[in-house]
Amino acid sequence: MPHSFAGNALVLGLLATIGPFAIDMYIPARPSMAEHLQTSTAAAQMTLMAFFLGFGVTSR
């Protein structure tokens, strides 16, 4: 079954908003995540790097 242009545009638009939306929710929570996980702020920042690597690999 062929995909419609509007359906493809909707899916691509939603995929394009996932990354920024996830980051906007994640960054403010990082200090409390580090506190609750009893780790350093630097270690909590590494999770953001892992997110970007994973998002970059899946976006290829």
N, C-alpha and C. Protein backbone atom coordinates (compact mmCIF):
# COMPACT_ATOMS: atom_id res chain seq x y z
N MET A 1 0.84 -1.17 0.00
CA MET A 1 0.00 0.00 0.00
C MET A 1 0.89 1.24 0.00
N PRO A 2 0.72 2.15 -0.95
CA PRO A 2 1.56 3.35 -1.01
C PRO A 2 1.24 4.31 0.13
N HIS A 3 2.28 4.96 0.61
CA HIS A 3 2.11 5.93 1.69
C HIS A 3 1.76 7.29 1.10
N SER A 4 0.91 7.99 1.79
CA SER A 4 0.54 9.32 1.31
C SER A 4 1.61 10.34 1.71
N PHE A 5 1.65 11.42 0.98
CA PHE A 5 2.61 12.48 1.28
C PHE A 5 2.33 13.07 2.66
N ALA A 6 1.06 13.28 3.00
CA ALA A 6 0.71 13.86 4.30
C ALA A 6 1.11 12.93 5.44
N GLY A 7 0.94 11.64 5.25
CA GLY A 7 1.33 10.68 6.28
C GLY A 7 2.84 10.66 6.49
N ASN A 8 3.58 10.68 5.39
CA ASN A 8 5.05 10.71 5.49
C ASN A 8 5.51 12.00 6.15
N ALA A 9 4.91 13.12 5.77
CA ALA A 9 5.28 14.41 6.35
C ALA A 9 5.00 14.43 7.85
N LEU A 10 3.89 13.84 8.27
CA LEU A 10 3.55 13.79 9.69
C LEU A 10 4.56 12.95 10.46
N VAL A 11 4.90 11.80 9.94
CA VAL A 11 5.87 10.93 10.62
C VAL A 11 7.23 11.61 10.70
N LEU A 12 7.69 12.22 9.62
CA LEU A 12 8.98 12.90 9.65
C LEU A 12 8.97 14.09 10.61
N GLY A 13 7.87 14.81 10.65
CA GLY A 13 7.75 15.93 11.58
C GLY A 13 7.80 15.47 13.03
N LEU A 14 7.11 14.38 13.34
CA LEU A 14 7.14 13.85 14.70
C LEU A 14 8.53 13.34 15.07
N LEU A 15 9.20 12.68 14.14
CA LEU A 15 10.56 12.21 14.41
C LEU A 15 11.53 13.37 14.64
N ALA A 16 11.31 14.47 13.93
CA ALA A 16 12.19 15.63 14.09
C ALA A 16 11.98 16.32 15.43
N THR A 17 10.82 16.16 16.04
CA THR A 17 10.56 16.83 17.33
C THR A 17 10.94 15.98 18.53
N ILE A 18 11.17 14.70 18.34
CA ILE A 18 11.48 13.82 19.48
C ILE A 18 12.78 14.23 20.16
N GLY A 19 13.83 14.46 19.40
CA GLY A 19 15.13 14.81 19.97
C GLY A 19 15.10 16.07 20.81
N PRO A 20 14.68 17.21 20.25
CA PRO A 20 14.64 18.44 21.05
C PRO A 20 13.69 18.34 22.25
N PHE A 21 12.56 17.68 22.09
CA PHE A 21 11.61 17.55 23.19
C PHE A 21 12.22 16.72 24.33
N ALA A 22 12.89 15.63 23.98
CA ALA A 22 13.51 14.79 25.00
C ALA A 22 14.61 15.53 25.74
N ILE A 23 15.41 16.29 25.02
CA ILE A 23 16.49 17.04 25.64
C ILE A 23 15.95 18.14 26.55
N ASP A 24 14.91 18.83 26.11
CA ASP A 24 14.32 19.89 26.92
C ASP A 24 13.75 19.36 28.23
N MET A 25 13.28 18.13 28.24
CA MET A 25 12.77 17.54 29.48
C MET A 25 13.91 16.96 30.33
N TYR A 26 14.97 16.53 29.69
CA TYR A 26 16.04 15.80 30.36
C TYR A 26 17.03 16.71 31.07
N ILE A 27 17.43 17.80 30.43
CA ILE A 27 18.49 18.65 30.97
C ILE A 27 18.14 19.23 32.34
N PRO A 28 16.93 19.76 32.57
CA PRO A 28 16.64 20.29 33.91
C PRO A 28 16.63 19.21 35.00
N ALA A 29 16.42 17.97 34.64
CA ALA A 29 16.36 16.89 35.63
C ALA A 29 17.72 16.30 35.97
N ARG A 30 18.76 16.67 35.24
CA ARG A 30 20.08 16.07 35.43
C ARG A 30 20.64 16.24 36.84
N PRO A 31 20.60 17.44 37.45
CA PRO A 31 21.16 17.56 38.81
C PRO A 31 20.45 16.66 39.84
N SER A 32 19.14 16.58 39.76
CA SER A 32 18.43 15.72 40.72
C SER A 32 18.67 14.24 40.40
N MET A 33 18.88 13.91 39.13
CA MET A 33 19.22 12.53 38.78
C MET A 33 20.56 12.15 39.40
N ALA A 34 21.54 13.05 39.29
CA ALA A 34 22.86 12.77 39.86
C ALA A 34 22.76 12.60 41.38
N GLU A 35 21.94 13.43 42.02
CA GLU A 35 21.78 13.33 43.46
C GLU A 35 21.11 12.01 43.86
N HIS A 36 20.05 11.65 43.17
CA HIS A 36 19.33 10.43 43.52
C HIS A 36 20.13 9.17 43.20
N LEU A 37 20.95 9.23 42.17
CA LEU A 37 21.79 8.08 41.82
C LEU A 37 23.12 8.07 42.56
N GLN A 38 23.33 9.10 43.40
CA GLN A 38 24.55 9.24 44.20
C GLN A 38 25.80 9.17 43.33
N THR A 39 25.82 10.01 42.30
CA THR A 39 26.96 10.07 41.40
C THR A 39 27.34 11.52 41.17
N SER A 40 28.41 11.74 40.45
CA SER A 40 28.86 13.10 40.18
C SER A 40 28.06 13.71 39.03
N THR A 41 28.13 15.03 38.96
CA THR A 41 27.46 15.73 37.87
C THR A 41 28.08 15.34 36.52
N ALA A 42 29.39 15.12 36.52
CA ALA A 42 30.07 14.73 35.27
C ALA A 42 29.56 13.38 34.77
N ALA A 43 29.32 12.46 35.68
CA ALA A 43 28.81 11.15 35.27
C ALA A 43 27.39 11.28 34.73
N ALA A 44 26.61 12.16 35.33
CA ALA A 44 25.25 12.38 34.83
C ALA A 44 25.28 13.04 33.45
N GLN A 45 26.28 13.87 33.19
CA GLN A 45 26.39 14.50 31.88
C GLN A 45 26.79 13.49 30.81
N MET A 46 27.46 12.42 31.21
CA MET A 46 27.82 11.38 30.24
C MET A 46 26.58 10.71 29.67
N THR A 47 25.48 10.69 30.43
CA THR A 47 24.26 10.10 29.91
C THR A 47 23.71 10.93 28.76
N LEU A 48 23.93 12.24 28.81
CA LEU A 48 23.51 13.10 27.70
C LEU A 48 24.34 12.80 26.45
N MET A 49 25.64 12.55 26.64
CA MET A 49 26.48 12.18 25.51
C MET A 49 26.01 10.85 24.91
N ALA A 50 25.65 9.91 25.77
CA ALA A 50 25.15 8.63 25.28
C ALA A 50 23.85 8.81 24.50
N PHE A 51 23.01 9.72 24.97
CA PHE A 51 21.76 10.01 24.25
C PHE A 51 22.06 10.54 22.86
N PHE A 52 22.98 11.51 22.78
CA PHE A 52 23.31 12.08 21.47
C PHE A 52 23.93 11.05 20.54
N LEU A 53 24.77 10.19 21.07
CA LEU A 53 25.36 9.14 20.24
C LEU A 53 24.27 8.19 19.73
N GLY A 54 23.40 7.77 20.61
CA GLY A 54 22.33 6.87 20.21
C GLY A 54 21.38 7.52 19.22
N PHE A 55 21.03 8.77 19.45
CA PHE A 55 20.12 9.47 18.55
C PHE A 55 20.79 9.69 17.19
N GLY A 56 22.10 9.96 17.22
CA GLY A 56 22.83 10.16 15.96
C GLY A 56 22.93 8.88 15.15
N VAL A 57 23.14 7.77 15.82
CA VAL A 57 23.25 6.49 15.12
C VAL A 57 21.92 6.09 14.51
N THR A 58 20.84 6.30 15.26
CA THR A 58 19.52 5.91 14.73
C THR A 58 19.03 6.88 13.67
N SER A 59 19.56 8.08 13.62
CA SER A 59 19.12 9.06 12.63
C SER A 59 19.82 8.89 11.29
N ARG A 60 20.84 8.06 11.28
CA ARG A 60 21.60 7.88 10.04
C ARG A 60 20.78 7.34 8.98
